[in-house]
PDB file of N, CA and C in Angstrom:
ATOM      1  N   MET A   1     204.106  92.643 213.141  1.00  0.00           N
ATOM      2  CA  MET A   1     204.673  93.682 213.951  1.00  0.00           C
ATOM      3  C   MET A   1     204.280  93.460 215.393  1.00  0.00           C
ATOM      4  N   GLY A   2     205.174  92.921 216.139  1.00  0.00           N
ATOM      5  CA  GLY A   2     204.865  92.664 217.526  1.00  0.00           C
ATOM      6  C   GLY A   2     205.429  93.750 218.425  1.00  0.00           C
ATOM      7  N   TYR A   3     204.757  93.946 219.490  1.00  0.00           N
ATOM      8  CA  TYR A   3     205.219  94.886 220.514  1.00  0.00           C
ATOM      9  C   TYR A   3     205.671  94.066 221.707  1.00  0.00           C
ATOM     10  N   PRO A   4     206.598  94.598 222.496  1.00  0.00           N
ATOM     11  CA  PRO A   4     206.989  93.885 223.716  1.00  0.00           C
ATOM     12  C   PRO A   4     205.771  93.662 224.615  1.00  0.00           C
ATOM     13  N   ALA A   5     205.863  92.653 225.433  1.00  0.00           N
ATOM     14  CA  ALA A   5     204.739  92.290 226.302  1.00  0.00           C
ATOM     15  C   ALA A   5     204.299  93.489 227.139  1.00  0.00           C
ATOM     16  N   GLY A   6     203.005  93.736 227.127  1.00  0.00           N
ATOM     17  CA  GLY A   6     202.443  94.823 227.932  1.00  0.00           C
ATOM     18  C   GLY A   6     202.504  96.175 227.250  1.00  0.00           C
ATOM     19  N   LEU A   7     203.121  96.265 226.083  1.00  0.00           N
ATOM     20  CA  LEU A   7     203.252  97.546 225.389  1.00  0.00           C
ATOM     21  C   LEU A   7     202.481  97.480 224.076  1.00  0.00           C
ATOM     22  N   HIS A   8     201.417  98.243 223.978  1.00  0.00           N
ATOM     23  CA  HIS A   8     200.573  98.229 222.780  1.00  0.00           C
ATOM     24  C   HIS A   8     200.398  99.645 222.280  1.00  0.00           C
ATOM     25  N   ASP A   9     200.327  99.773 220.975  1.00  0.00           N
ATOM     26  CA  ASP A   9     200.054 101.074 220.371  1.00  0.00           C
ATOM     27  C   ASP A   9     198.592 101.108 219.968  1.00  0.00           C
ATOM     28  N   ASP A  10     197.764 101.730 220.798  1.00  0.00           N
ATOM     29  CA  ASP A  10     196.340 101.837 220.515  1.00  0.00           C
ATOM     30  C   ASP A  10     195.975 103.245 220.088  1.00  0.00           C
ATOM     31  N   GLY A  11     196.914 103.960 219.547  1.00  0.00           N
ATOM     32  CA  GLY A  11     196.662 105.336 219.135  1.00  0.00           C
ATOM     33  C   GLY A  11     195.858 105.403 217.850  1.00  0.00           C
ATOM     34  N   PRO A  12     195.592 106.622 217.393  1.00  0.00           N
ATOM     35  CA  PRO A  12     194.763 106.785 216.192  1.00  0.00           C
ATOM     36  C   PRO A  12     195.392 106.202 214.941  1.00  0.00           C
ATOM     37  N   VAL A  13     196.706 106.190 214.851  1.00  0.00           N
ATOM     38  CA  VAL A  13     197.360 105.632 213.663  1.00  0.00           C
ATOM     39  C   VAL A  13     197.154 104.128 213.612  1.00  0.00           C
ATOM     40  N   ALA A  14     197.247 103.468 214.754  1.00  0.00           N
ATOM     41  CA  ALA A  14     197.040 102.020 214.783  1.00  0.00           C
ATOM     42  C   ALA A  14     195.595 101.668 214.456  1.00  0.00           C
ATOM     43  N   ARG A  15     194.647 102.459 214.961  1.00  0.00           N
ATOM     44  CA  ARG A  15     193.248 102.194 214.648  1.00  0.00           C
ATOM     45  C   ARG A  15     192.966 102.423 213.175  1.00  0.00           C
ATOM     46  N   LEU A  16     193.566 103.454 212.596  1.00  0.00           N
ATOM     47  CA  LEU A  16     193.377 103.727 211.178  1.00  0.00           C
ATOM     48  C   LEU A  16     193.980 102.615 210.327  1.00  0.00           C
ATOM     49  N   ALA A  17     195.087 102.057 210.760  1.00  0.00           N
ATOM     50  CA  ALA A  17     195.715 100.957 210.015  1.00  0.00           C
ATOM     51  C   ALA A  17     194.805  99.741 209.982  1.00  0.00           C
ATOM     52  N   GLY A  18     193.987  99.553 210.999  1.00  0.00           N
ATOM     53  CA  GLY A  18     193.054  98.446 211.013  1.00  0.00           C
ATOM     54  C   GLY A  18     191.945  98.607 209.985  1.00  0.00           C
ATOM     55  N   TYR A  19     191.666  99.843 209.623  1.00  0.00           N
ATOM     56  CA  TYR A  19     190.614 100.123 208.648  1.00  0.00           C
ATOM     57  C   TYR A  19     191.164 100.384 207.249  1.00  0.00           C
ATOM     58  N   ARG A  20     192.456 100.256 207.071  1.00  0.00           N
ATOM     59  CA  ARG A  20     193.087 100.609 205.803  1.00  0.00           C
ATOM     60  C   ARG A  20     192.501  99.832 204.624  1.00  0.00           C
ATOM     61  N   ALA A  21     192.274  98.540 204.787  1.00  0.00           N
ATOM     62  CA  ALA A  21     191.738  97.723 203.689  1.00  0.00           C
ATOM     63  C   ALA A  21     190.355  98.211 203.290  1.00  0.00           C
ATOM     64  N   TYR A  22     189.537  98.559 204.289  1.00  0.00           N
ATOM     65  CA  TYR A  22     188.193  99.066 203.992  1.00  0.00           C
ATOM     66  C   TYR A  22     188.266 100.419 203.284  1.00  0.00           C
ATOM     67  N   LEU A  23     189.147 101.285 203.756  1.00  0.00           N
ATOM     68  CA  LEU A  23     189.269 102.615 203.157  1.00  0.00           C
ATOM     69  C   LEU A  23     189.753 102.542 201.711  1.00  0.00           C
ATOM     70  N   VAL A  24     190.713 101.665 201.451  1.00  0.00           N
ATOM     71  CA  VAL A  24     191.215 101.508 200.086  1.00  0.00           C
ATOM     72  C   VAL A  24     190.123 100.946 199.179  1.00  0.00           C
ATOM     73  N   ALA A  25     189.440  99.926 199.649  1.00  0.00           N
ATOM     74  CA  ALA A  25     188.392  99.303 198.832  1.00  0.00           C
ATOM     75  C   ALA A  25     187.267 100.288 198.535  1.00  0.00           C
ATOM     76  N   LEU A  26     186.782 100.986 199.556  1.00  0.00           N
ATOM     77  CA  LEU A  26     185.689 101.920 199.334  1.00  0.00           C
ATOM     78  C   LEU A  26     186.146 103.144 198.553  1.00  0.00           C
ATOM     79  N   GLY A  27     187.411 103.503 198.702  1.00  0.00           N
ATOM     80  CA  GLY A  27     187.946 104.600 197.893  1.00  0.00           C
ATOM     81  C   GLY A  27     187.952 104.256 196.415  1.00  0.00           C
ATOM     82  N   LEU A  28     188.328 103.012 196.118  1.00  0.00           N
ATOM     83  CA  LEU A  28     188.360 102.586 194.714  1.00  0.00           C
ATOM     84  C   LEU A  28     186.971 102.333 194.147  1.00  0.00           C
ATOM     85  N   ILE A  29     186.050 101.859 194.982  1.00  0.00           N
ATOM     86  CA  ILE A  29     184.727 101.475 194.489  1.00  0.00           C
ATOM     87  C   ILE A  29     183.726 102.620 194.549  1.00  0.00           C
ATOM     88  N   TRP A  30     183.834 103.501 195.548  1.00  0.00           N
ATOM     89  CA  TRP A  30     182.849 104.576 195.705  1.00  0.00           C
ATOM     90  C   TRP A  30     183.414 105.956 195.390  1.00  0.00           C
ATOM     91  N   VAL A  31     184.544 106.296 195.956  1.00  0.00           N
ATOM     92  CA  VAL A  31     185.052 107.667 195.840  1.00  0.00           C
ATOM     93  C   VAL A  31     185.625 107.938 194.454  1.00  0.00           C
ATOM     94  N   LEU A  32     186.446 107.037 193.941  1.00  0.00           N
ATOM     95  CA  LEU A  32     187.057 107.246 192.623  1.00  0.00           C
ATOM     96  C   LEU A  32     186.014 107.378 191.508  1.00  0.00           C
ATOM     97  N   PRO A  33     185.027 106.464 191.402  1.00  0.00           N
ATOM     98  CA  PRO A  33     184.008 106.652 190.366  1.00  0.00           C
ATOM     99  C   PRO A  33     183.188 107.928 190.563  1.00  0.00           C
ATOM    100  N   ALA A  34     182.867 108.268 191.808  1.00  0.00           N
ATOM    101  CA  ALA A  34     182.093 109.489 192.058  1.00  0.00           C
ATOM    102  C   ALA A  34     182.875 110.727 191.637  1.00  0.00           C
ATOM    103  N   ALA A  35     184.162 110.762 191.961  1.00  0.00           N
ATOM    104  CA  ALA A  35     184.981 111.904 191.576  1.00  0.00           C
ATOM    105  C   ALA A  35     185.126 111.982 190.056  1.00  0.00           C
ATOM    106  N   LEU A  36     185.315 110.846 189.415  1.00  0.00           N
ATOM    107  CA  LEU A  36     185.444 110.821 187.961  1.00  0.00           C
ATOM    108  C   LEU A  36     184.153 111.274 187.285  1.00  0.00           C
ATOM    109  N   LEU A  37     183.018 110.780 187.769  1.00  0.00           N
ATOM    110  CA  LEU A  37     181.732 111.178 187.187  1.00  0.00           C
ATOM    111  C   LEU A  37     181.468 112.666 187.409  1.00  0.00           C
ATOM    112  N   LEU A  38     181.804 113.176 188.580  1.00  0.00           N
ATOM    113  CA  LEU A  38     181.621 114.606 188.841  1.00  0.00           C
ATOM    114  C   LEU A  38     182.514 115.442 187.932  1.00  0.00           C
ATOM    115  N   LEU A  39     183.756 115.030 187.775  1.00  0.00           N
ATOM    116  CA  LEU A  39     184.671 115.755 186.889  1.00  0.00           C
ATOM    117  C   LEU A  39     184.158 115.750 185.455  1.00  0.00           C
ATOM    118  N   LEU A  40     183.703 114.596 184.986  1.00  0.00           N
ATOM    119  CA  LEU A  40     183.170 114.520 183.622  1.00  0.00           C
ATOM    120  C   LEU A  40     181.902 115.353 183.470  1.00  0.00           C
ATOM    121  N   TYR A  41     181.034 115.311 184.471  1.00  0.00           N
ATOM    122  CA  TYR A  41     179.791 116.081 184.396  1.00  0.00           C
ATOM    123  C   TYR A  41     180.080 117.579 184.320  1.00  0.00           C
ATOM    124  N   LEU A  42     181.075 118.030 185.058  1.00  0.00           N
ATOM    125  CA  LEU A  42     181.392 119.455 185.077  1.00  0.00           C
ATOM    126  C   LEU A  42     182.164 119.912 183.844  1.00  0.00           C
ATOM    127  N   THR A  43     182.856 119.001 183.163  1.00  0.00           N
ATOM    128  CA  THR A  43     183.684 119.414 182.032  1.00  0.00           C
ATOM    129  C   THR A  43     183.053 119.133 180.667  1.00  0.00           C
ATOM    130  N   LEU A  44     182.163 118.158 180.583  1.00  0.00           N
ATOM    131  CA  LEU A  44     181.549 117.856 179.286  1.00  0.00           C
ATOM    132  C   LEU A  44     180.485 118.908 178.940  1.00  0.00           C
ATOM    133  N   PRO A  45     180.276 119.133 177.652  1.00  0.00           N
ATOM    134  CA  PRO A  45     179.284 120.148 177.255  1.00  0.00           C
ATOM    135  C   PRO A  45     177.859 119.736 177.616  1.00  0.00           C
ATOM    136  N   ASP A  46     177.021 120.749 177.859  1.00  0.00           N
ATOM    137  CA  ASP A  46     175.624 120.482 178.184  1.00  0.00           C
ATOM    138  C   ASP A  46     174.717 120.789 176.993  1.00  0.00           C
ATOM    139  N   TYR A  47     175.257 120.588 175.801  1.00  0.00           N
ATOM    140  CA  TYR A  47     174.489 120.753 174.561  1.00  0.00           C
ATOM    141  C   TYR A  47     174.996 119.720 173.566  1.00  0.00           C
ATOM    142  N   ASN A  48     174.210 119.411 172.579  1.00  0.00           N
ATOM    143  CA  ASN A  48     174.616 118.483 171.527  1.00  0.00           C
ATOM    144  C   ASN A  48     175.247 119.264 170.387  1.00  0.00           C
ATOM    145  N   ALA A  49     176.464 118.925 170.049  1.00  0.00           N
ATOM    146  CA  ALA A  49     177.192 119.644 169.007  1.00  0.00           C
ATOM    147  C   ALA A  49     176.561 119.427 167.632  1.00  0.00           C
ATOM    148  N   SER A  50     175.874 118.311 167.447  1.00  0.00           N
ATOM    149  CA  SER A  50     175.292 118.016 166.141  1.00  0.00           C
ATOM    150  C   SER A  50     173.998 118.781 165.892  1.00  0.00           C
ATOM    151  N   GLY A  51     173.523 119.497 166.885  1.00  0.00           N
ATOM    152  CA  GLY A  51     172.275 120.231 166.747  1.00  0.00           C
ATOM    153  C   GLY A  51     171.050 119.383 166.983  1.00  0.00           C
ATOM    154  N   GLN A  52     171.264 118.113 167.313  1.00  0.00           N
ATOM    155  CA  GLN A  52     170.141 117.228 167.586  1.00  0.00           C
ATOM    156  C   GLN A  52     169.456 117.674 168.874  1.00  0.00           C
ATOM    157  N   CYS A  53     168.154 117.461 168.943  1.00  0.00           N
ATOM    158  CA  CYS A  53     167.416 117.908 170.120  1.00  0.00           C
ATOM    159  C   CYS A  53     167.904 117.174 171.367  1.00  0.00           C
ATOM    160  N   GLU A  54     167.705 117.790 172.516  1.00  0.00           N
ATOM    161  CA  GLU A  54     168.196 117.256 173.778  1.00  0.00           C
ATOM    162  C   GLU A  54     167.055 116.617 174.550  1.00  0.00           C
ATOM    163  N   GLY A  55     167.321 115.460 175.138  1.00  0.00           N
ATOM    164  CA  GLY A  55     166.321 114.755 175.928  1.00  0.00           C
ATOM    165  C   GLY A  55     166.304 113.292 175.567  1.00  0.00           C
ATOM    166  N   ILE A  56     165.339 112.583 176.113  1.00  0.00           N
ATOM    167  CA  ILE A  56     165.215 111.153 175.829  1.00  0.00           C
ATOM    168  C   ILE A  56     163.905 110.937 175.086  1.00  0.00           C
ATOM    169  N   GLY A  57     163.987 110.228 174.003  1.00  0.00           N
ATOM    170  CA  GLY A  57     162.781 109.858 173.259  1.00  0.00           C
ATOM    171  C   GLY A  57     162.510 110.767 172.083  1.00  0.00           C
ATOM    172  N   TRP A  58     161.644 110.317 171.186  1.00  0.00           N
ATOM    173  CA  TRP A  58     161.215 111.051 170.007  1.00  0.00           C
ATOM    174  C   TRP A  58     162.390 111.516 169.146  1.00  0.00           C
ATOM    175  N   GLY A  59     163.418 110.690 169.037  1.00  0.00           N
ATOM    176  CA  GLY A  59     164.548 111.007 168.177  1.00  0.00           C
ATOM    177  C   GLY A  59     165.579 111.917 168.812  1.00  0.00           C
ATOM    178  N   CYS A  60     165.373 112.325 170.026  1.00  0.00           N
ATOM    179  CA  CYS A  60     166.329 113.196 170.716  1.00  0.00           C
ATOM    180  C   CYS A  60     167.367 112.344 171.440  1.00  0.00           C
ATOM    181  N   THR A  61     168.438 112.953 171.837  1.00  0.00           N
ATOM    182  CA  THR A  61     169.496 112.249 172.555  1.00  0.00           C
ATOM    183  C   THR A  61     169.977 113.103 173.725  1.00  0.00           C
ATOM    184  N   LEU A  62     170.544 112.447 174.700  1.00  0.00           N
ATOM    185  CA  LEU A  62     171.064 113.156 175.864  1.00  0.00           C
ATOM    186  C   LEU A  62     172.310 113.945 175.496  1.00  0.00           C
ATOM    187  N   THR A  63     172.516 115.048 176.186  1.00  0.00           N
ATOM    188  CA  THR A  63     173.772 115.781 176.037  1.00  0.00           C
ATOM    189  C   THR A  63     174.868 114.961 176.710  1.00  0.00           C
ATOM    190  N   PRO A  64     176.133 115.218 176.389  1.00  0.00           N
ATOM    191  CA  PRO A  64     177.206 114.459 177.045  1.00  0.00           C
ATOM    192  C   PRO A  64     177.160 114.570 178.573  1.00  0.00           C
ATOM    193  N   ALA A  65     176.894 115.755 179.101  1.00  0.00           N
ATOM    194  CA  ALA A  65     176.836 115.919 180.557  1.00  0.00           C
ATOM    195  C   ALA A  65     175.650 115.155 181.137  1.00  0.00           C
ATOM    196  N   ASP A  66     174.512 115.218 180.474  1.00  0.00           N
ATOM    197  CA  ASP A  66     173.347 114.477 180.950  1.00  0.00           C
ATOM    198  C   ASP A  66     173.547 112.975 180.816  1.00  0.00           C
ATOM    199  N   GLY A  67     174.292 112.549 179.817  1.00  0.00           N
ATOM    200  CA  GLY A  67     174.615 111.130 179.668  1.00  0.00           C
ATOM    201  C   GLY A  67     175.442 110.623 180.847  1.00  0.00           C
ATOM    202  N   ILE A  68     176.370 111.444 181.326  1.00  0.00           N
ATOM    203  CA  ILE A  68     177.170 111.071 182.498  1.00  0.00           C
ATOM    204  C   ILE A  68     176.290 111.002 183.733  1.00  0.00           C
ATOM    205  N   ALA A  69     175.359 111.952 183.880  1.00  0.00           N
ATOM    206  CA  ALA A  69     174.441 111.920 185.022  1.00  0.00           C
ATOM    207  C   ALA A  69     173.568 110.661 184.959  1.00  0.00           C
ATOM    208  N   PHE A  70     173.147 110.292 183.775  1.00  0.00           N
ATOM    209  CA  PHE A  70     172.338 109.070 183.601  1.00  0.00           C
ATOM    210  C   PHE A  70     173.168 107.835 183.930  1.00  0.00           C
ATOM    211  N   LEU A  71     174.420 107.818 183.499  1.00  0.00           N
ATOM    212  CA  LEU A  71     175.322 106.712 183.827  1.00  0.00           C
ATOM    213  C   LEU A  71     175.510 106.604 185.334  1.00  0.00           C
ATOM    214  N   ALA A  72     175.674 107.726 186.008  1.00  0.00           N
ATOM    215  CA  ALA A  72     175.833 107.719 187.466  1.00  0.00           C
ATOM    216  C   ALA A  72     174.582 107.163 188.137  1.00  0.00           C
ATOM    217  N   LEU A  73     173.425 107.541 187.617  1.00  0.00           N
ATOM    218  CA  LEU A  73     172.164 107.050 188.167  1.00  0.00           C
ATOM    219  C   LEU A  73     172.042 105.537 188.021  1.00  0.00           C
ATOM    220  N   LEU A  74     172.487 105.011 186.901  1.00  0.00           N
ATOM    221  CA  LEU A  74     172.418 103.563 186.677  1.00  0.00           C
ATOM    222  C   LEU A  74     173.486 102.800 187.459  1.00  0.00           C
ATOM    223  N   ALA A  75     174.666 103.389 187.613  1.00  0.00           N
ATOM    224  CA  ALA A  75     175.787 102.688 188.237  1.00  0.00           C
ATOM    225  C   ALA A  75     175.750 102.737 189.759  1.00  0.00           C
ATOM    226  N   ALA A  76     175.145 103.757 190.337  1.00  0.00           N
ATOM    227  CA  ALA A  76     175.200 103.956 191.790  1.00  0.00           C
ATOM    228  C   ALA A  76     174.696 102.751 192.594  1.00  0.00           C
ATOM    229  N   PRO A  77     173.543 102.178 192.285  1.00  0.00           N
ATOM    230  CA  PRO A  77     173.102 101.025 193.098  1.00  0.00           C
ATOM    231  C   PRO A  77     174.051  99.834 193.020  1.00  0.00           C
ATOM    232  N   PHE A  78     174.607  99.575 191.844  1.00  0.00           N
ATOM    233  CA  PHE A  78     175.530  98.457 191.691  1.00  0.00           C
ATOM    234  C   PHE A  78     176.830  98.707 192.442  1.00  0.00           C
ATOM    235  N   LEU A  79     177.348  99.934 192.368  1.00  0.00           N
ATOM    236  CA  LEU A  79     178.576 100.255 193.094  1.00  0.00           C
ATOM    237  C   LEU A  79     178.358 100.214 194.599  1.00  0.00           C
ATOM    238  N   PHE A  80     177.181 100.621 195.047  1.00  0.00           N
ATOM    239  CA  PHE A  80     176.877 100.560 196.479  1.00  0.00           C
ATOM    240  C   PHE A  80     176.891  99.118 196.969  1.00  0.00           C
ATOM    241  N   VAL A  81     176.202  98.245 196.259  1.00  0.00           N
ATOM    242  CA  VAL A  81     176.150  96.832 196.649  1.00  0.00           C
ATOM    243  C   VAL A  81     177.533  96.201 196.537  1.00  0.00           C
ATOM    244  N   LEU A  82     178.277  96.532 195.492  1.00  0.00           N
ATOM    245  CA  LEU A  82     179.627  96.000 195.330  1.00  0.00           C
ATOM    246  C   LEU A  82     180.518  96.425 196.493  1.00  0.00           C
ATOM    247  N   GLY A  83     180.414  97.673 196.915  1.00  0.00           N
ATOM    248  CA  GLY A  83     181.201  98.145 198.053  1.00  0.00           C
ATOM    249  C   GLY A  83     180.868  97.388 199.325  1.00  0.00           C
ATOM    250  N   LEU A  84     179.579  97.143 199.558  1.00  0.00           N
ATOM    251  CA  LEU A  84     179.180  96.384 200.745  1.00  0.00           C
ATOM    252  C   LEU A  84     179.685  94.945 200.679  1.00  0.00           C
ATOM    253  N   LEU A  85     179.614  94.335 199.494  1.00  0.00           N
ATOM    254  CA  LEU A  85     180.100  92.962 199.349  1.00  0.00           C
ATOM    255  C   LEU A  85     181.607  92.873 199.562  1.00  0.00           C
ATOM    256  N   VAL A  86     182.338  93.824 199.031  1.00  0.00           N
ATOM    257  CA  VAL A  86     183.797  93.822 199.213  1.00  0.00           C
ATOM    258  C   VAL A  86     184.142  93.999 200.688  1.00  0.00           C
ATOM    259  N   CYS A  87     183.429  94.885 201.380  1.00  0.00           N
ATOM    260  CA  CYS A  87     183.669  95.052 202.817  1.00  0.00           C
ATOM    261  C   CYS A  87     183.339  93.771 203.585  1.00  0.00           C
ATOM    262  N   ALA A  88     182.294  93.072 203.182  1.00  0.00           N
ATOM    263  CA  ALA A  88     181.948  91.805 203.830  1.00  0.00           C
ATOM    264  C   ALA A  88     183.033  90.760 203.591  1.00  0.00           C
ATOM    265  N   VAL A  89     183.582  90.717 202.394  1.00  0.00           N
ATOM    266  CA  VAL A  89     184.666  89.775 202.097  1.00  0.00           C
ATOM    267  C   VAL A  89     185.908  90.119 202.907  1.00  0.00           C
ATOM    268  N   ILE A  90     186.252  91.398 202.991  1.00  0.00           N
ATOM    269  CA  ILE A  90     187.405  91.815 203.792  1.00  0.00           C
ATOM    270  C   ILE A  90     187.199  91.404 205.246  1.00  0.00           C
ATOM    271  N   PHE A  91     186.001  91.652 205.773  1.00  0.00           N
ATOM    272  CA  PHE A  91     185.705  91.278 207.152  1.00  0.00           C
ATOM    273  C   PHE A  91     185.843  89.774 207.352  1.00  0.00           C
ATOM    274  N   PHE A  92     185.287  88.996 206.425  1.00  0.00           N
ATOM    275  CA  PHE A  92     185.331  87.539 206.537  1.00  0.00           C
ATOM    276  C   PHE A  92     186.773  87.029 206.496  1.00  0.00           C
ATOM    277  N   VAL A  93     187.569  87.554 205.571  1.00  0.00           N
ATOM    278  CA  VAL A  93     188.975  87.109 205.454  1.00  0.00           C
ATOM    279  C   VAL A  93     189.751  87.466 206.714  1.00  0.00           C
ATOM    280  N   ARG A  94     189.533  88.668 207.233  1.00  0.00           N
ATOM    281  CA  ARG A  94     190.238  89.068 208.446  1.00  0.00           C
ATOM    282  C   ARG A  94     189.770  88.247 209.644  1.00  0.00           C
ATOM    283  N   TYR A  95     188.489  87.887 209.680  1.00  0.00           N
ATOM    284  CA  TYR A  95     187.958  87.081 210.769  1.00  0.00           C
ATOM    285  C   TYR A  95     188.542  85.674 210.737  1.00  0.00           C
ATOM    286  N   VAL A  96     188.649  85.096 209.546  1.00  0.00           N
ATOM    287  CA  VAL A  96     189.179  83.742 209.411  1.00  0.00           C
ATOM    288  C   VAL A  96     190.659  83.706 209.760  1.00  0.00           C
ATOM    289  N   ARG A  97     191.407  84.737 209.429  1.00  0.00           N
ATOM    290  CA  ARG A  97     192.847  84.767 209.716  1.00  0.00           C
ATOM    291  C   ARG A  97     193.152  84.875 211.201  1.00  0.00           C
ATOM    292  N   ARG A  98     192.194  85.398 211.981  1.00  0.00           N
ATOM    293  CA  ARG A  98     192.450  85.509 213.428  1.00  0.00           C
ATOM    294  C   ARG A  98     192.349  84.207 214.049  1.00  0.00           C
TER     295      ARG A  98
END
């Protein structure tokens, strides 16, 4: 998309378009899993239907809601690093194309 000589669109829409790849990547890697985990945590029961004791260890098991919170705790560092790596790859590809 070229503009005539001397005419550039440096408005907020053009600046946002420059960040679109980053926003899409981080939306898929950080926002979507966070929203899904929050939705599951809020909708899953906070008790065990089988009557088994709640907790970790000694024959007890996590409730479904606590299991989602535990999954989020385990996944968060990996998703954070993955998001940073994807942003670095996007930056590198865009830098090489220039």
